[in-house]
Amino acid sequence: MSNITNVKEKIQQLEKQQRLLWPMFDQELKGKIFGGANVGQFIMESFKQSKLEKDLAMILPQRSIEQGIK
């Protein structure tokens, strides 16, 4: 169960960081970020600020950000 707990903690950490970063990426706060580049930046910055870059590096060989956006 510790792996599941660890994953849940990481997800909570990412969600918290995304709430903090959202105003920076969604300047008009209309609830949408337009363009794949902005979405990619938002995702990468969320992982970076959460200190989960190693996790992102493990995810990206399996699925690219562009594949995830689609």
PDB file of N, CA and C in Angstrom:
ATOM      1  N   MET A   1       0.804  -1.201   0.000  1.00  0.00           N
ATOM      2  CA  MET A   1       0.000   0.000   0.000  1.00  0.00           C
ATOM      3  C   MET A   1       0.851   1.270   0.000  1.00  0.00           C
ATOM      4  N   SER A   2       2.104   1.181   0.398  1.00  0.00           N
ATOM      5  CA  SER A   2       2.919   2.390   0.492  1.00  0.00           C
ATOM      6  C   SER A   2       3.106   3.051  -0.876  1.00  0.00           C
ATOM      7  N   ASN A   3       3.181   2.256  -1.951  1.00  0.00           N
ATOM      8  CA  ASN A   3       3.314   2.849  -3.284  1.00  0.00           C
ATOM      9  C   ASN A   3       2.083   3.663  -3.645  1.00  0.00           C
ATOM     10  N   ILE A   4       0.906   3.154  -3.307  1.00  0.00           N
ATOM     11  CA  ILE A   4      -0.334   3.881  -3.583  1.00  0.00           C
ATOM     12  C   ILE A   4      -0.368   5.165  -2.771  1.00  0.00           C
ATOM     13  N   THR A   5       0.002   5.098  -1.519  1.00  0.00           N
ATOM     14  CA  THR A   5       0.037   6.283  -0.673  1.00  0.00           C
ATOM     15  C   THR A   5       1.014   7.300  -1.234  1.00  0.00           C
ATOM     16  N   ASN A   6       2.174   6.838  -1.656  1.00  0.00           N
ATOM     17  CA  ASN A   6       3.184   7.715  -2.223  1.00  0.00           C
ATOM     18  C   ASN A   6       2.648   8.405  -3.482  1.00  0.00           C
ATOM     19  N   VAL A   7       1.962   7.665  -4.335  1.00  0.00           N
ATOM     20  CA  VAL A   7       1.392   8.237  -5.555  1.00  0.00           C
ATOM     21  C   VAL A   7       0.323   9.263  -5.195  1.00  0.00           C
ATOM     22  N   LYS A   8      -0.523   8.938  -4.236  1.00  0.00           N
ATOM     23  CA  LYS A   8      -1.571   9.880  -3.816  1.00  0.00           C
ATOM     24  C   LYS A   8      -0.961  11.168  -3.278  1.00  0.00           C
ATOM     25  N   GLU A   9       0.104  11.040  -2.526  1.00  0.00           N
ATOM     26  CA  GLU A   9       0.785  12.224  -1.991  1.00  0.00           C
ATOM     27  C   GLU A   9       1.369  13.070  -3.116  1.00  0.00           C
ATOM     28  N   LYS A  10       1.936  12.424  -4.108  1.00  0.00           N
ATOM     29  CA  LYS A  10       2.504  13.151  -5.246  1.00  0.00           C
ATOM     30  C   LYS A  10       1.408  13.865  -6.035  1.00  0.00           C
ATOM     31  N   ILE A  11       0.274  13.200  -6.214  1.00  0.00           N
ATOM     32  CA  ILE A  11      -0.844  13.818  -6.923  1.00  0.00           C
ATOM     33  C   ILE A  11      -1.342  15.031  -6.150  1.00  0.00           C
ATOM     34  N   GLN A  12      -1.465  14.911  -4.844  1.00  0.00           N
ATOM     35  CA  GLN A  12      -1.891  16.046  -4.020  1.00  0.00           C
ATOM     36  C   GLN A  12      -0.904  17.202  -4.136  1.00  0.00           C
ATOM     37  N   GLN A  13       0.363  16.882  -4.148  1.00  0.00           N
ATOM     38  CA  GLN A  13       1.405  17.896  -4.273  1.00  0.00           C
ATOM     39  C   GLN A  13       1.295  18.609  -5.624  1.00  0.00           C
ATOM     40  N   LEU A  14       1.095  17.844  -6.693  1.00  0.00           N
ATOM     41  CA  LEU A  14       0.946  18.429  -8.024  1.00  0.00           C
ATOM     42  C   LEU A  14      -0.306  19.298  -8.110  1.00  0.00           C
ATOM     43  N   GLU A  15      -1.414  18.813  -7.574  1.00  0.00           N
ATOM     44  CA  GLU A  15      -2.661  19.582  -7.618  1.00  0.00           C
ATOM     45  C   GLU A  15      -2.515  20.905  -6.876  1.00  0.00           C
ATOM     46  N   LYS A  16      -1.856  20.874  -5.742  1.00  0.00           N
ATOM     47  CA  LYS A  16      -1.627  22.094  -4.972  1.00  0.00           C
ATOM     48  C   LYS A  16      -0.790  23.090  -5.785  1.00  0.00           C
ATOM     49  N   GLN A  17       0.276  22.589  -6.389  1.00  0.00           N
ATOM     50  CA  GLN A  17       1.154  23.456  -7.166  1.00  0.00           C
ATOM     51  C   GLN A  17       0.440  24.001  -8.393  1.00  0.00           C
ATOM     52  N   GLN A  18      -0.405  23.193  -9.010  1.00  0.00           N
ATOM     53  CA  GLN A  18      -1.141  23.652 -10.186  1.00  0.00           C
ATOM     54  C   GLN A  18      -2.102  24.781  -9.827  1.00  0.00           C
ATOM     55  N   ARG A  19      -2.729  24.693  -8.669  1.00  0.00           N
ATOM     56  CA  ARG A  19      -3.614  25.785  -8.232  1.00  0.00           C
ATOM     57  C   ARG A  19      -2.831  27.073  -8.043  1.00  0.00           C
ATOM     58  N   LEU A  20      -1.610  26.953  -7.549  1.00  0.00           N
ATOM     59  CA  LEU A  20      -0.776  28.140  -7.355  1.00  0.00           C
ATOM     60  C   LEU A  20      -0.290  28.707  -8.689  1.00  0.00           C
ATOM     61  N   LEU A  21       0.019  27.834  -9.643  1.00  0.00           N
ATOM     62  CA  LEU A  21       0.544  28.273 -10.935  1.00  0.00           C
ATOM     63  C   LEU A  21      -0.542  28.742 -11.903  1.00  0.00           C
ATOM     64  N   TRP A  22      -1.769  28.285 -11.712  1.00  0.00           N
ATOM     65  CA  TRP A  22      -2.829  28.554 -12.680  1.00  0.00           C
ATOM     66  C   TRP A  22      -2.965  30.041 -13.039  1.00  0.00           C
ATOM     67  N   PRO A  23      -3.012  30.943 -12.079  1.00  0.00           N
ATOM     68  CA  PRO A  23      -3.165  32.368 -12.444  1.00  0.00           C
ATOM     69  C   PRO A  23      -2.039  32.894 -13.330  1.00  0.00           C
ATOM     70  N   MET A  24      -0.859  32.329 -13.199  1.00  0.00           N
ATOM     71  CA  MET A  24       0.270  32.761 -14.006  1.00  0.00           C
ATOM     72  C   MET A  24       0.089  32.357 -15.479  1.00  0.00           C
ATOM     73  N   PHE A  25      -0.539  31.201 -15.719  1.00  0.00           N
ATOM     74  CA  PHE A  25      -0.709  30.691 -17.076  1.00  0.00           C
ATOM     75  C   PHE A  25      -2.041  31.108 -17.693  1.00  0.00           C
ATOM     76  N   ASP A  26      -3.058  31.299 -16.875  1.00  0.00           N
ATOM     77  CA  ASP A  26      -4.379  31.692 -17.363  1.00  0.00           C
ATOM     78  C   ASP A  26      -4.604  33.134 -16.942  1.00  0.00           C
ATOM     79  N   GLN A  27      -4.035  34.049 -17.698  1.00  0.00           N
ATOM     80  CA  GLN A  27      -4.055  35.468 -17.330  1.00  0.00           C
ATOM     81  C   GLN A  27      -5.467  36.024 -17.198  1.00  0.00           C
ATOM     82  N   GLU A  28      -6.395  35.558 -18.022  1.00  0.00           N
ATOM     83  CA  GLU A  28      -7.758  36.080 -17.980  1.00  0.00           C
ATOM     84  C   GLU A  28      -8.650  35.272 -17.042  1.00  0.00           C
ATOM     85  N   LEU A  29      -8.130  34.173 -16.493  1.00  0.00           N
ATOM     86  CA  LEU A  29      -8.847  33.299 -15.564  1.00  0.00           C
ATOM     87  C   LEU A  29     -10.213  32.858 -16.094  1.00  0.00           C
ATOM     88  N   LYS A  30     -10.210  32.463 -17.359  1.00  0.00           N
ATOM     89  CA  LYS A  30     -11.451  31.967 -17.968  1.00  0.00           C
ATOM     90  C   LYS A  30     -11.505  30.439 -17.926  1.00  0.00           C
ATOM     91  N   GLY A  31     -10.518  29.823 -17.287  1.00  0.00           N
ATOM     92  CA  GLY A  31     -10.554  28.380 -17.101  1.00  0.00           C
ATOM     93  C   GLY A  31      -9.946  27.556 -18.212  1.00  0.00           C
ATOM     94  N   LYS A  32      -9.306  28.212 -19.191  1.00  0.00           N
ATOM     95  CA  LYS A  32      -8.706  27.450 -20.282  1.00  0.00           C
ATOM     96  C   LYS A  32      -7.336  28.024 -20.610  1.00  0.00           C
ATOM     97  N   ILE A  33      -6.407  27.142 -20.895  1.00  0.00           N
ATOM     98  CA  ILE A  33      -5.100  27.552 -21.409  1.00  0.00           C
ATOM     99  C   ILE A  33      -5.101  27.138 -22.871  1.00  0.00           C
ATOM    100  N   PHE A  34      -4.847  28.085 -23.750  1.00  0.00           N
ATOM    101  CA  PHE A  34      -4.893  27.796 -25.176  1.00  0.00           C
ATOM    102  C   PHE A  34      -3.508  27.466 -25.699  1.00  0.00           C
ATOM    103  N   GLY A  35      -3.457  26.488 -26.585  1.00  0.00           N
ATOM    104  CA  GLY A  35      -2.209  26.129 -27.248  1.00  0.00           C
ATOM    105  C   GLY A  35      -1.439  25.058 -26.516  1.00  0.00           C
ATOM    106  N   GLY A  36      -0.971  24.104 -27.289  1.00  0.00           N
ATOM    107  CA  GLY A  36      -0.205  22.992 -26.730  1.00  0.00           C
ATOM    108  C   GLY A  36       1.042  23.435 -26.002  1.00  0.00           C
ATOM    109  N   ALA A  37       1.668  24.505 -26.500  1.00  0.00           N
ATOM    110  CA  ALA A  37       2.897  24.976 -25.847  1.00  0.00           C
ATOM    111  C   ALA A  37       2.607  25.458 -24.431  1.00  0.00           C
ATOM    112  N   ASN A  38       1.509  26.187 -24.258  1.00  0.00           N
ATOM    113  CA  ASN A  38       1.151  26.665 -22.920  1.00  0.00           C
ATOM    114  C   ASN A  38       0.806  25.513 -21.989  1.00  0.00           C
ATOM    115  N   VAL A  39       0.091  24.538 -22.494  1.00  0.00           N
ATOM    116  CA  VAL A  39      -0.281  23.377 -21.682  1.00  0.00           C
ATOM    117  C   VAL A  39       0.973  22.613 -21.287  1.00  0.00           C
ATOM    118  N   GLY A  40       1.866  22.403 -22.240  1.00  0.00           N
ATOM    119  CA  GLY A  40       3.119  21.705 -21.955  1.00  0.00           C
ATOM    120  C   GLY A  40       3.948  22.424 -20.918  1.00  0.00           C
ATOM    121  N   GLN A  41       4.036  23.739 -21.056  1.00  0.00           N
ATOM    122  CA  GLN A  41       4.780  24.542 -20.077  1.00  0.00           C
ATOM    123  C   GLN A  41       4.153  24.425 -18.696  1.00  0.00           C
ATOM    124  N   PHE A  42       2.828  24.485 -18.642  1.00  0.00           N
ATOM    125  CA  PHE A  42       2.114  24.392 -17.375  1.00  0.00           C
ATOM    126  C   PHE A  42       2.394  23.052 -16.693  1.00  0.00           C
ATOM    127  N   ILE A  43       2.332  21.981 -17.457  1.00  0.00           N
ATOM    128  CA  ILE A  43       2.581  20.645 -16.907  1.00  0.00           C
ATOM    129  C   ILE A  43       4.020  20.529 -16.419  1.00  0.00           C
ATOM    130  N   MET A  44       4.959  20.938 -17.261  1.00  0.00           N
ATOM    131  CA  MET A  44       6.374  20.820 -16.881  1.00  0.00           C
ATOM    132  C   MET A  44       6.687  21.687 -15.665  1.00  0.00           C
ATOM    133  N   GLU A  45       6.155  22.885 -15.608  1.00  0.00           N
ATOM    134  CA  GLU A  45       6.401  23.766 -14.465  1.00  0.00           C
ATOM    135  C   GLU A  45       5.764  23.202 -13.196  1.00  0.00           C
ATOM    136  N   SER A  46       4.592  22.579 -13.331  1.00  0.00           N
ATOM    137  CA  SER A  46       3.936  21.960 -12.172  1.00  0.00           C
ATOM    138  C   SER A  46       4.809  20.867 -11.566  1.00  0.00           C
ATOM    139  N   PHE A  47       5.369  20.012 -12.416  1.00  0.00           N
ATOM    140  CA  PHE A  47       6.246  18.945 -11.930  1.00  0.00           C
ATOM    141  C   PHE A  47       7.523  19.538 -11.336  1.00  0.00           C
ATOM    142  N   LYS A  48       8.061  20.555 -11.981  1.00  0.00           N
ATOM    143  CA  LYS A  48       9.298  21.178 -11.502  1.00  0.00           C
ATOM    144  C   LYS A  48       9.093  21.815 -10.128  1.00  0.00           C
ATOM    145  N   GLN A  49       8.043  22.603  -9.991  1.00  0.00           N
ATOM    146  CA  GLN A  49       7.778  23.275  -8.723  1.00  0.00           C
ATOM    147  C   GLN A  49       7.445  22.283  -7.606  1.00  0.00           C
ATOM    148  N   SER A  50       6.907  21.130  -7.977  1.00  0.00           N
ATOM    149  CA  SER A  50       6.579  20.091  -6.990  1.00  0.00           C
ATOM    150  C   SER A  50       7.767  19.188  -6.698  1.00  0.00           C
ATOM    151  N   LYS A  51       8.887  19.465  -7.364  1.00  0.00           N
ATOM    152  CA  LYS A  51      10.103  18.656  -7.218  1.00  0.00           C
ATOM    153  C   LYS A  51       9.851  17.197  -7.593  1.00  0.00           C
ATOM    154  N   LEU A  52       9.094  17.019  -8.689  1.00  0.00           N
ATOM    155  CA  LEU A  52       8.772  15.682  -9.178  1.00  0.00           C
ATOM    156  C   LEU A  52       9.270  15.489 -10.615  1.00  0.00           C
ATOM    157  N   GLU A  53      10.374  16.139 -10.944  1.00  0.00           N
ATOM    158  CA  GLU A  53      10.912  16.049 -12.296  1.00  0.00           C
ATOM    159  C   GLU A  53      11.317  14.623 -12.659  1.00  0.00           C
ATOM    160  N   LYS A  54      11.788  13.855 -11.695  1.00  0.00           N
ATOM    161  CA  LYS A  54      12.162  12.462 -11.961  1.00  0.00           C
ATOM    162  C   LYS A  54      10.931  11.652 -12.351  1.00  0.00           C
ATOM    163  N   ASP A  55       9.807  11.956 -11.712  1.00  0.00           N
ATOM    164  CA  ASP A  55       8.570  11.256 -12.050  1.00  0.00           C
ATOM    165  C   ASP A  55       8.134  11.604 -13.478  1.00  0.00           C
ATOM    166  N   LEU A  56       8.235  12.868 -13.842  1.00  0.00           N
ATOM    167  CA  LEU A  56       7.886  13.283 -15.200  1.00  0.00           C
ATOM    168  C   LEU A  56       8.808  12.604 -16.210  1.00  0.00           C
ATOM    169  N   ALA A  57      10.087  12.504 -15.878  1.00  0.00           N
ATOM    170  CA  ALA A  57      11.043  11.835 -16.768  1.00  0.00           C
ATOM    171  C   ALA A  57      10.683  10.365 -16.969  1.00  0.00           C
ATOM    172  N   MET A  58      10.068   9.738 -15.973  1.00  0.00           N
ATOM    173  CA  MET A  58       9.643   8.345 -16.101  1.00  0.00           C
ATOM    174  C   MET A  58       8.361   8.241 -16.926  1.00  0.00           C
ATOM    175  N   ILE A  59       7.517   9.248 -16.856  1.00  0.00           N
ATOM    176  CA  ILE A  59       6.243   9.236 -17.571  1.00  0.00           C
ATOM    177  C   ILE A  59       6.435   9.518 -19.064  1.00  0.00           C
ATOM    178  N   LEU A  60       7.286  10.492 -19.393  1.00  0.00           N
ATOM    179  CA  LEU A  60       7.410  10.953 -20.775  1.00  0.00           C
ATOM    180  C   LEU A  60       7.809   9.874 -21.783  1.00  0.00           C
ATOM    181  N   PRO A  61       8.676   8.895 -21.450  1.00  0.00           N
ATOM    182  CA  PRO A  61       8.952   7.848 -22.443  1.00  0.00           C
ATOM    183  C   PRO A  61       7.718   6.992 -22.758  1.00  0.00           C
ATOM    184  N   GLN A  62       6.777   6.938 -21.844  1.00  0.00           N
ATOM    185  CA  GLN A  62       5.569   6.147 -22.044  1.00  0.00           C
ATOM    186  C   GLN A  62       4.504   6.925 -22.811  1.00  0.00           C
ATOM    187  N   ARG A  63       4.420   8.219 -22.508  1.00  0.00           N
ATOM    188  CA  ARG A  63       3.400   9.060 -23.136  1.00  0.00           C
ATOM    189  C   ARG A  63       3.888  10.497 -23.144  1.00  0.00           C
ATOM    190  N   SER A  64       3.907  11.093 -24.316  1.00  0.00           N
ATOM    191  CA  SER A  64       4.364  12.482 -24.418  1.00  0.00           C
ATOM    192  C   SER A  64       3.271  13.419 -23.926  1.00  0.00           C
ATOM    193  N   ILE A  65       3.663  14.632 -23.638  1.00  0.00           N
ATOM    194  CA  ILE A  65       2.687  15.634 -23.202  1.00  0.00           C
ATOM    195  C   ILE A  65       1.659  15.845 -24.317  1.00  0.00           C
ATOM    196  N   GLU A  66       2.099  15.874 -25.561  1.00  0.00           N
ATOM    197  CA  GLU A  66       1.189  16.074 -26.682  1.00  0.00           C
ATOM    198  C   GLU A  66       0.151  14.948 -26.764  1.00  0.00           C
ATOM    199  N   GLN A  67       0.576  13.707 -26.522  1.00  0.00           N
ATOM    200  CA  GLN A  67      -0.361  12.579 -26.520  1.00  0.00           C
ATOM    201  C   GLN A  67      -1.360  12.728 -25.377  1.00  0.00           C
ATOM    202  N   GLY A  68      -0.879  13.195 -24.236  1.00  0.00           N
ATOM    203  CA  GLY A  68      -1.763  13.377 -23.088  1.00  0.00           C
ATOM    204  C   GLY A  68      -2.780  14.479 -23.295  1.00  0.00           C
ATOM    205  N   ILE A  69      -2.394  15.512 -24.029  1.00  0.00           N
ATOM    206  CA  ILE A  69      -3.295  16.633 -24.293  1.00  0.00           C
ATOM    207  C   ILE A  69      -4.443  16.180 -25.198  1.00  0.00           C
ATOM    208  N   LYS A  70      -4.121  15.319 -26.174  1.00  0.00           N
ATOM    209  CA  LYS A  70      -5.148  14.848 -27.106  1.00  0.00           C
ATOM    210  C   LYS A  70      -6.105  13.976 -26.364  1.00  0.00           C
TER     211      LYS A  70
END
